[in-house]
Amino acid sequence: MSAARPLTTLRTLAAIATLPLLLTACGYGSEAKSDDTAKVAAGAKKIDGLDSVRIGYFGNLTHATALVGREQGLFQKELGATKAEYATFNAGPSEIEALNSGSIDIGWIGPSPAINGYTKSNGKSLRIIGGSASGGVKLVVNPKKITSLKDVKGK
């Protein structure tokens, strides 16, 4: 028996053992929400005749523009009778995957996944149209109330 055989067997067993972890990482990474209560104004018209616009974003502070727009009904107000539908994501690659597959129509995403997605699709499945947070996103606090990380830990 050669010395390479036990090493090959060990590698095979390691690959089989990690397979369940790899498969769980193949999840879509989004969470569709259907509990939106934004109202459509009486007599509102559909935008470009569309029944809905599917909007993707991360459900965290870095995507505050999308969070506020959804929570306050700003997108729905601008869309008129075209229904705003939302999907939250926890990672850039899964949101790019959704854009590339046509599962969402528009999304907020960081610069690296956006450039990657644009490059991989040769600019055919998505277009970068602008930034909603120039220079990055910052957490702004009242310095009289929050003086260190300890003051926001767990909140």
N, C-alpha and C. Protein backbone atom coordinates (compact mmCIF):
# COMPACT_ATOMS: atom_id res chain seq x y z
N MET A 1 0.85 -1.18 0.00
CA MET A 1 0.00 0.00 0.00
C MET A 1 0.89 1.23 0.00
N SER A 2 0.64 2.15 -0.90
CA SER A 2 1.49 3.33 -0.99
C SER A 2 1.11 4.35 0.08
N ALA A 3 2.06 5.29 0.36
CA ALA A 3 1.82 6.33 1.37
C ALA A 3 0.77 7.32 0.89
N ALA A 4 0.59 7.42 -0.42
CA ALA A 4 -0.38 8.38 -0.98
C ALA A 4 -1.81 7.92 -0.75
N ARG A 5 -2.03 6.62 -0.66
CA ARG A 5 -3.40 6.10 -0.51
C ARG A 5 -4.08 6.58 0.77
N PRO A 6 -3.43 6.50 1.97
CA PRO A 6 -4.09 7.01 3.17
C PRO A 6 -4.39 8.51 3.08
N LEU A 7 -3.50 9.25 2.43
CA LEU A 7 -3.70 10.70 2.29
C LEU A 7 -4.90 10.97 1.38
N THR A 8 -5.03 10.22 0.32
CA THR A 8 -6.17 10.37 -0.59
C THR A 8 -7.47 10.02 0.12
N THR A 9 -7.44 8.94 0.90
CA THR A 9 -8.62 8.53 1.67
C THR A 9 -9.00 9.61 2.68
N LEU A 10 -8.01 10.18 3.34
CA LEU A 10 -8.26 11.24 4.32
C LEU A 10 -8.88 12.46 3.65
N ARG A 11 -8.37 12.83 2.49
CA ARG A 11 -8.92 13.98 1.76
C ARG A 11 -10.37 13.71 1.35
N THR A 12 -10.63 12.50 0.89
CA THR A 12 -11.99 12.14 0.48
C THR A 12 -12.95 12.22 1.65
N LEU A 13 -12.54 11.67 2.80
CA LEU A 13 -13.38 11.72 4.00
C LEU A 13 -13.62 13.16 4.46
N ALA A 14 -12.58 13.98 4.38
CA ALA A 14 -12.72 15.38 4.77
C ALA A 14 -13.71 16.10 3.84
N ALA A 15 -13.62 15.81 2.55
CA ALA A 15 -14.53 16.43 1.59
C ALA A 15 -15.98 16.01 1.85
N ILE A 16 -16.18 14.72 2.14
CA ILE A 16 -17.52 14.23 2.43
C ILE A 16 -18.06 14.84 3.72
N ALA A 17 -17.20 15.00 4.72
CA ALA A 17 -17.62 15.56 6.00
C ALA A 17 -18.02 17.03 5.87
N THR A 18 -17.38 17.77 4.97
CA THR A 18 -17.70 19.19 4.82
C THR A 18 -18.84 19.43 3.84
N LEU A 19 -19.26 18.41 3.11
CA LEU A 19 -20.32 18.57 2.13
C LEU A 19 -21.61 19.16 2.70
N PRO A 20 -22.10 18.70 3.86
CA PRO A 20 -23.32 19.32 4.40
C PRO A 20 -23.16 20.81 4.67
N LEU A 21 -21.99 21.22 5.14
CA LEU A 21 -21.75 22.65 5.39
C LEU A 21 -21.76 23.43 4.09
N LEU A 22 -21.14 22.88 3.06
CA LEU A 22 -21.12 23.56 1.78
C LEU A 22 -22.52 23.69 1.19
N LEU A 23 -23.31 22.65 1.33
CA LEU A 23 -24.67 22.69 0.79
C LEU A 23 -25.54 23.70 1.51
N THR A 24 -25.35 23.86 2.82
CA THR A 24 -26.15 24.86 3.54
C THR A 24 -25.74 26.25 3.14
N ALA A 25 -24.51 26.44 2.69
CA ALA A 25 -24.06 27.76 2.26
C ALA A 25 -24.61 28.12 0.89
N CYS A 26 -25.24 27.18 0.21
CA CYS A 26 -25.78 27.44 -1.12
C CYS A 26 -27.18 28.03 -1.06
N GLY A 27 -27.65 28.39 0.11
CA GLY A 27 -28.97 28.97 0.24
C GLY A 27 -29.07 30.29 -0.47
N TYR A 28 -30.27 30.72 -0.73
CA TYR A 28 -30.49 31.92 -1.51
C TYR A 28 -30.03 33.18 -0.81
N GLY A 29 -30.11 33.23 0.52
CA GLY A 29 -29.60 34.39 1.25
C GLY A 29 -30.56 35.54 1.33
N SER A 30 -31.80 35.35 1.01
CA SER A 30 -32.76 36.44 1.09
C SER A 30 -33.96 36.01 1.91
N GLU A 31 -34.67 36.99 2.35
CA GLU A 31 -35.87 36.73 3.12
C GLU A 31 -36.96 37.64 2.59
N ALA A 32 -37.86 37.10 1.83
CA ALA A 32 -38.94 37.90 1.27
C ALA A 32 -39.92 38.25 2.39
N LYS A 33 -40.42 39.45 2.34
CA LYS A 33 -41.39 39.89 3.34
C LYS A 33 -42.69 40.23 2.63
N SER A 34 -43.78 39.77 3.19
CA SER A 34 -45.06 40.03 2.56
C SER A 34 -46.00 40.80 3.48
N ASP A 35 -45.47 41.34 4.56
CA ASP A 35 -46.31 42.02 5.53
C ASP A 35 -46.37 43.53 5.32
N ASP A 36 -46.02 43.99 4.13
CA ASP A 36 -46.01 45.43 3.89
C ASP A 36 -47.42 45.98 3.87
N THR A 37 -47.57 47.13 4.50
CA THR A 37 -48.90 47.73 4.60
C THR A 37 -48.95 49.08 3.91
N ALA A 38 -47.97 49.38 3.06
CA ALA A 38 -47.97 50.66 2.35
C ALA A 38 -49.21 50.74 1.48
N LYS A 39 -49.88 51.86 1.54
CA LYS A 39 -51.13 52.05 0.82
C LYS A 39 -50.87 52.71 -0.54
N VAL A 40 -51.64 52.30 -1.51
CA VAL A 40 -51.59 52.90 -2.84
C VAL A 40 -52.66 53.98 -2.88
N ALA A 41 -52.28 55.17 -3.31
CA ALA A 41 -53.21 56.29 -3.36
C ALA A 41 -54.32 56.00 -4.36
N ALA A 42 -55.53 56.43 -4.02
CA ALA A 42 -56.68 56.24 -4.91
C ALA A 42 -56.40 56.94 -6.23
N GLY A 43 -56.67 56.25 -7.32
CA GLY A 43 -56.47 56.82 -8.65
C GLY A 43 -55.03 56.80 -9.13
N ALA A 44 -54.13 56.18 -8.36
CA ALA A 44 -52.72 56.13 -8.76
C ALA A 44 -52.57 55.27 -10.00
N LYS A 45 -51.58 55.62 -10.81
CA LYS A 45 -51.32 54.87 -12.04
C LYS A 45 -50.05 54.04 -11.88
N LYS A 46 -49.99 52.97 -12.65
CA LYS A 46 -48.81 52.11 -12.65
C LYS A 46 -47.66 52.82 -13.36
N ILE A 47 -46.46 52.63 -12.85
CA ILE A 47 -45.26 53.18 -13.48
C ILE A 47 -44.90 52.30 -14.66
N ASP A 48 -44.83 52.86 -15.83
CA ASP A 48 -44.49 52.13 -17.06
C ASP A 48 -45.33 50.87 -17.25
N GLY A 49 -46.53 50.85 -16.70
CA GLY A 49 -47.43 49.71 -16.85
C GLY A 49 -47.04 48.48 -16.04
N LEU A 50 -46.07 48.62 -15.14
CA LEU A 50 -45.60 47.48 -14.35
C LEU A 50 -46.55 47.18 -13.19
N ASP A 51 -46.79 45.89 -12.96
CA ASP A 51 -47.60 45.48 -11.82
C ASP A 51 -46.81 45.63 -10.52
N SER A 52 -45.51 45.33 -10.57
CA SER A 52 -44.69 45.41 -9.36
C SER A 52 -43.24 45.71 -9.70
N VAL A 53 -42.52 46.20 -8.69
CA VAL A 53 -41.07 46.39 -8.76
C VAL A 53 -40.50 45.68 -7.55
N ARG A 54 -39.56 44.77 -7.79
CA ARG A 54 -38.96 43.97 -6.71
C ARG A 54 -37.66 44.63 -6.28
N ILE A 55 -37.60 45.01 -5.00
CA ILE A 55 -36.49 45.79 -4.45
C ILE A 55 -35.71 44.96 -3.44
N GLY A 56 -34.38 44.90 -3.60
CA GLY A 56 -33.54 44.15 -2.68
C GLY A 56 -32.61 45.06 -1.89
N TYR A 57 -32.31 44.66 -0.67
CA TYR A 57 -31.41 45.44 0.19
C TYR A 57 -30.99 44.58 1.37
N PHE A 58 -30.03 45.06 2.12
CA PHE A 58 -29.61 44.39 3.36
C PHE A 58 -30.46 44.97 4.49
N GLY A 59 -30.87 44.14 5.40
CA GLY A 59 -31.70 44.60 6.51
C GLY A 59 -30.86 45.15 7.66
N ASN A 60 -29.89 46.02 7.34
CA ASN A 60 -29.06 46.59 8.40
C ASN A 60 -28.80 48.08 8.13
N LEU A 61 -28.10 48.70 9.05
CA LEU A 61 -27.87 50.14 9.01
C LEU A 61 -27.17 50.62 7.74
N THR A 62 -26.32 49.78 7.15
CA THR A 62 -25.61 50.23 5.95
C THR A 62 -26.55 50.47 4.77
N HIS A 63 -27.77 49.97 4.86
CA HIS A 63 -28.75 50.19 3.80
C HIS A 63 -29.91 51.02 4.32
N ALA A 64 -29.57 52.03 5.10
CA ALA A 64 -30.58 52.89 5.73
C ALA A 64 -31.50 53.54 4.72
N THR A 65 -30.99 53.90 3.56
CA THR A 65 -31.83 54.53 2.54
C THR A 65 -33.00 53.61 2.18
N ALA A 66 -32.70 52.35 1.95
CA ALA A 66 -33.76 51.39 1.60
C ALA A 66 -34.66 51.12 2.80
N LEU A 67 -34.09 51.00 3.98
CA LEU A 67 -34.88 50.73 5.19
C LEU A 67 -35.89 51.85 5.43
N VAL A 68 -35.44 53.08 5.35
CA VAL A 68 -36.33 54.23 5.58
C VAL A 68 -37.36 54.34 4.46
N GLY A 69 -36.91 54.17 3.22
CA GLY A 69 -37.83 54.24 2.08
C GLY A 69 -38.95 53.24 2.17
N ARG A 70 -38.62 52.04 2.64
CA ARG A 70 -39.65 51.02 2.80
C ARG A 70 -40.53 51.31 4.00
N GLU A 71 -39.92 51.55 5.14
CA GLU A 71 -40.66 51.73 6.39
C GLU A 71 -41.63 52.91 6.32
N GLN A 72 -41.21 53.98 5.67
CA GLN A 72 -42.08 55.16 5.59
C GLN A 72 -42.97 55.17 4.35
N GLY A 73 -42.90 54.12 3.55
CA GLY A 73 -43.76 54.03 2.37
C GLY A 73 -43.37 54.96 1.25
N LEU A 74 -42.14 55.46 1.26
CA LEU A 74 -41.70 56.43 0.25
C LEU A 74 -41.63 55.81 -1.14
N PHE A 75 -41.14 54.57 -1.23
CA PHE A 75 -41.06 53.91 -2.53
C PHE A 75 -42.45 53.67 -3.09
N GLN A 76 -43.34 53.16 -2.26
CA GLN A 76 -44.69 52.88 -2.73
C GLN A 76 -45.38 54.16 -3.18
N LYS A 77 -45.17 55.23 -2.47
CA LYS A 77 -45.77 56.51 -2.85
C LYS A 77 -45.31 56.92 -4.25
N GLU A 78 -44.03 56.78 -4.52
CA GLU A 78 -43.48 57.17 -5.83
C GLU A 78 -43.87 56.20 -6.93
N LEU A 79 -44.12 54.94 -6.56
CA LEU A 79 -44.47 53.93 -7.57
C LEU A 79 -45.95 53.94 -7.94
N GLY A 80 -46.76 54.70 -7.21
CA GLY A 80 -48.18 54.77 -7.53
C GLY A 80 -48.84 53.42 -7.38
N ALA A 81 -49.53 52.96 -8.44
CA ALA A 81 -50.24 51.68 -8.40
C ALA A 81 -49.34 50.49 -8.69
N THR A 82 -48.07 50.74 -9.02
CA THR A 82 -47.11 49.65 -9.17
C THR A 82 -46.68 49.23 -7.78
N LYS A 83 -46.89 47.97 -7.44
CA LYS A 83 -46.62 47.50 -6.08
C LYS A 83 -45.13 47.32 -5.82
N ALA A 84 -44.66 47.85 -4.69
CA ALA A 84 -43.28 47.64 -4.25
C ALA A 84 -43.23 46.31 -3.50
N GLU A 85 -42.36 45.41 -3.94
CA GLU A 85 -42.15 44.13 -3.26
C GLU A 85 -40.70 44.11 -2.79
N TYR A 86 -40.45 43.55 -1.63
CA TYR A 86 -39.12 43.62 -1.02
C TYR A 86 -38.53 42.26 -0.72
N ALA A 87 -37.20 42.20 -0.78
CA ALA A 87 -36.44 41.02 -0.36
C ALA A 87 -35.20 41.52 0.36
N THR A 88 -34.95 40.98 1.54
CA THR A 88 -33.74 41.36 2.27
C THR A 88 -32.68 40.29 2.06
N PHE A 89 -31.44 40.72 2.04
CA PHE A 89 -30.30 39.84 1.80
C PHE A 89 -29.30 40.02 2.92
N ASN A 90 -28.48 39.01 3.13
CA ASN A 90 -27.45 39.11 4.15
C ASN A 90 -26.04 39.10 3.58
N ALA A 91 -25.92 39.05 2.25
CA ALA A 91 -24.61 39.06 1.62
C ALA A 91 -24.73 39.58 0.19
N GLY A 92 -23.70 40.31 -0.23
CA GLY A 92 -23.70 40.88 -1.57
C GLY A 92 -23.82 39.87 -2.69
N PRO A 93 -23.07 38.76 -2.64
CA PRO A 93 -23.17 37.79 -3.74
C PRO A 93 -24.58 37.25 -3.95
N SER A 94 -25.33 37.03 -2.89
CA SER A 94 -26.70 36.52 -3.06
C SER A 94 -27.61 37.58 -3.68
N GLU A 95 -27.38 38.83 -3.37
CA GLU A 95 -28.18 39.89 -3.99
C GLU A 95 -27.82 40.04 -5.47
N ILE A 96 -26.55 39.95 -5.80
CA ILE A 96 -26.12 40.00 -7.20
C ILE A 96 -26.71 38.81 -7.97
N GLU A 97 -26.72 37.65 -7.33
CA GLU A 97 -27.32 36.45 -7.94
C GLU A 97 -28.79 36.71 -8.25
N ALA A 98 -29.49 37.35 -7.32
CA ALA A 98 -30.91 37.66 -7.53
C ALA A 98 -31.09 38.66 -8.67
N LEU A 99 -30.22 39.66 -8.76
CA LEU A 99 -30.29 40.61 -9.86
C LEU A 99 -30.01 39.91 -11.19
N ASN A 100 -28.97 39.09 -11.22
CA ASN A 100 -28.60 38.40 -12.45
C ASN A 100 -29.67 37.43 -12.92
N SER A 101 -30.40 36.83 -11.99
CA SER A 101 -31.43 35.86 -12.37
C SER A 101 -32.79 36.52 -12.63
N GLY A 102 -32.90 37.81 -12.32
CA GLY A 102 -34.17 38.50 -12.53
C GLY A 102 -35.15 38.36 -11.37
N SER A 103 -34.67 37.88 -10.22
CA SER A 103 -35.54 37.72 -9.05
C SER A 103 -35.86 39.06 -8.40
N ILE A 104 -34.98 40.04 -8.55
CA ILE A 104 -35.25 41.41 -8.10
C ILE A 104 -34.93 42.35 -9.25
N ASP A 105 -35.51 43.55 -9.19
CA ASP A 105 -35.33 44.52 -10.27
C ASP A 105 -34.33 45.60 -9.93
N ILE A 106 -34.21 45.92 -8.65
CA ILE A 106 -33.34 47.00 -8.21
C ILE A 106 -32.84 46.64 -6.82
N GLY A 107 -31.66 47.12 -6.48
CA GLY A 107 -31.15 46.79 -5.16
C GLY A 107 -30.06 47.73 -4.70
N TRP A 108 -29.90 47.78 -3.40
CA TRP A 108 -28.81 48.51 -2.77
C TRP A 108 -27.73 47.49 -2.45
N ILE A 109 -26.49 47.80 -2.82
CA ILE A 109 -25.41 46.83 -2.60
C ILE A 109 -24.08 47.57 -2.54
N GLY A 110 -23.12 46.99 -1.89
CA GLY A 110 -21.80 47.60 -1.76
C GLY A 110 -21.05 47.63 -3.08
N PRO A 111 -19.96 48.41 -3.12
CA PRO A 111 -19.24 48.59 -4.38
C PRO A 111 -18.57 47.32 -4.91
N SER A 112 -18.00 46.50 -4.05
CA SER A 112 -17.29 45.30 -4.56
C SER A 112 -18.24 44.30 -5.23
N PRO A 113 -19.35 43.90 -4.57
CA PRO A 113 -20.26 42.98 -5.26
C PRO A 113 -20.88 43.60 -6.51
N ALA A 114 -21.13 44.90 -6.48
CA ALA A 114 -21.72 45.56 -7.64
C ALA A 114 -20.77 45.49 -8.83
N ILE A 115 -19.51 45.80 -8.60
CA ILE A 115 -18.52 45.77 -9.69
C ILE A 115 -18.30 44.34 -10.16
N ASN A 116 -18.23 43.39 -9.22
CA ASN A 116 -18.09 41.97 -9.59
C ASN A 116 -19.26 41.52 -10.46
N GLY A 117 -20.48 41.82 -10.03
CA GLY A 117 -21.66 41.41 -10.79
C GLY A 117 -21.70 42.03 -12.17
N TYR A 118 -21.33 43.30 -12.25
CA TYR A 118 -21.31 43.99 -13.53
C TYR A 118 -20.27 43.36 -14.47
N THR A 119 -19.09 43.10 -13.91
CA THR A 119 -18.01 42.53 -14.71
C THR A 119 -18.35 41.12 -15.19
N LYS A 120 -18.86 40.28 -14.28
CA LYS A 120 -19.17 38.89 -14.64
C LYS A 120 -20.28 38.79 -15.68
N SER A 121 -21.19 39.77 -15.69
CA SER A 121 -22.28 39.72 -16.67
C SER A 121 -21.96 40.56 -17.91
N ASN A 122 -20.73 41.08 -17.96
CA ASN A 122 -20.32 41.97 -19.06
C ASN A 122 -21.27 43.15 -19.21
N GLY A 123 -21.81 43.61 -18.07
CA GLY A 123 -22.72 44.75 -18.07
C GLY A 123 -24.09 44.47 -18.65
N LYS A 124 -24.43 43.19 -18.86
CA LYS A 124 -25.70 42.85 -19.51
C LYS A 124 -26.85 42.67 -18.54
N SER A 125 -26.60 42.22 -17.31
CA SER A 125 -27.73 41.93 -16.43
C SER A 125 -27.91 42.93 -15.30
N LEU A 126 -26.99 43.87 -15.16
CA LEU A 126 -27.20 44.92 -14.17
C LEU A 126 -26.45 46.17 -14.57
N ARG A 127 -26.94 47.28 -14.06
CA ARG A 127 -26.32 48.57 -14.34
C ARG A 127 -26.17 49.30 -13.01
N ILE A 128 -24.99 49.84 -12.78
CA ILE A 128 -24.74 50.62 -11.57
C ILE A 128 -25.14 52.05 -11.89
N ILE A 129 -26.12 52.57 -11.15
CA ILE A 129 -26.65 53.89 -11.50
C ILE A 129 -26.29 54.99 -10.52
N GLY A 130 -25.82 54.66 -9.34
CA GLY A 130 -25.43 55.72 -8.42
C GLY A 130 -25.22 55.21 -7.03
N GLY A 131 -24.64 56.06 -6.22
CA GLY A 131 -24.41 55.72 -4.83
C GLY A 131 -25.43 56.40 -3.94
N SER A 132 -25.83 55.71 -2.89
CA SER A 132 -26.77 56.32 -1.96
C SER A 132 -26.09 56.70 -0.66
N ALA A 133 -24.79 56.39 -0.55
CA ALA A 133 -24.02 56.74 0.64
C ALA A 133 -22.62 57.11 0.20
N SER A 134 -22.40 58.37 -0.11
CA SER A 134 -21.11 58.84 -0.58
C SER A 134 -20.04 58.69 0.49
N GLY A 135 -18.93 58.08 0.14
CA GLY A 135 -17.82 57.93 1.08
C GLY A 135 -18.05 56.86 2.12
N GLY A 136 -19.04 56.03 1.95
CA GLY A 136 -19.32 54.99 2.92
C GLY A 136 -20.39 55.40 3.89
N VAL A 137 -20.81 54.48 4.70
CA VAL A 137 -21.88 54.72 5.67
C VAL A 137 -21.25 54.90 7.04
N LYS A 138 -21.71 55.87 7.75
CA LYS A 138 -21.19 56.17 9.09
C LYS A 138 -22.33 56.09 10.10
N LEU A 139 -22.00 55.69 11.30
CA LEU A 139 -22.94 55.72 12.40
C LEU A 139 -22.72 57.04 13.13
N VAL A 140 -23.72 57.89 13.14
CA VAL A 140 -23.61 59.19 13.77
C VAL A 140 -24.36 59.14 15.09
N VAL A 141 -23.71 59.57 16.15
CA VAL A 141 -24.31 59.48 17.48
C VAL A 141 -24.19 60.81 18.21
N ASN A 142 -24.97 60.95 19.27
CA ASN A 142 -24.89 62.11 20.14
C ASN A 142 -23.70 61.89 21.08
N PRO A 143 -22.65 62.71 20.98
CA PRO A 143 -21.44 62.49 21.79
C PRO A 143 -21.67 62.66 23.29
N LYS A 144 -22.78 63.29 23.68
CA LYS A 144 -23.08 63.44 25.10
C LYS A 144 -23.65 62.15 25.68
N LYS A 145 -24.25 61.32 24.82
CA LYS A 145 -24.88 60.08 25.26
C LYS A 145 -24.03 58.84 24.98
N ILE A 146 -23.26 58.88 23.89
CA ILE A 146 -22.45 57.72 23.50
C ILE A 146 -21.01 58.18 23.38
N THR A 147 -20.19 57.66 24.28
CA THR A 147 -18.79 58.06 24.29
C THR A 147 -17.84 56.94 23.90
N SER A 148 -18.34 55.70 23.88
CA SER A 148 -17.49 54.56 23.50
C SER A 148 -18.37 53.43 22.98
N LEU A 149 -17.72 52.37 22.49
CA LEU A 149 -18.46 51.21 21.99
C LEU A 149 -19.26 50.55 23.09
N LYS A 150 -18.81 50.66 24.33
CA LYS A 150 -19.53 50.06 25.45
C LYS A 150 -20.96 50.60 25.57
N ASP A 151 -21.14 51.87 25.18
CA ASP A 151 -22.45 52.49 25.29
C ASP A 151 -23.48 51.95 24.27
N VAL A 152 -23.02 51.30 23.20
CA VAL A 152 -23.96 50.75 22.21
C VAL A 152 -23.94 49.23 22.16
N LYS A 153 -23.07 48.61 22.94
CA LYS A 153 -22.97 47.15 22.93
C LYS A 153 -24.30 46.52 23.35
N GLY A 154 -24.77 45.59 22.53
CA GLY A 154 -26.00 44.87 22.83
C GLY A 154 -27.28 45.63 22.53
N LYS A 155 -27.18 46.78 21.93
CA LYS A 155 -28.38 47.58 21.65
C LYS A 155 -28.66 47.63 20.16
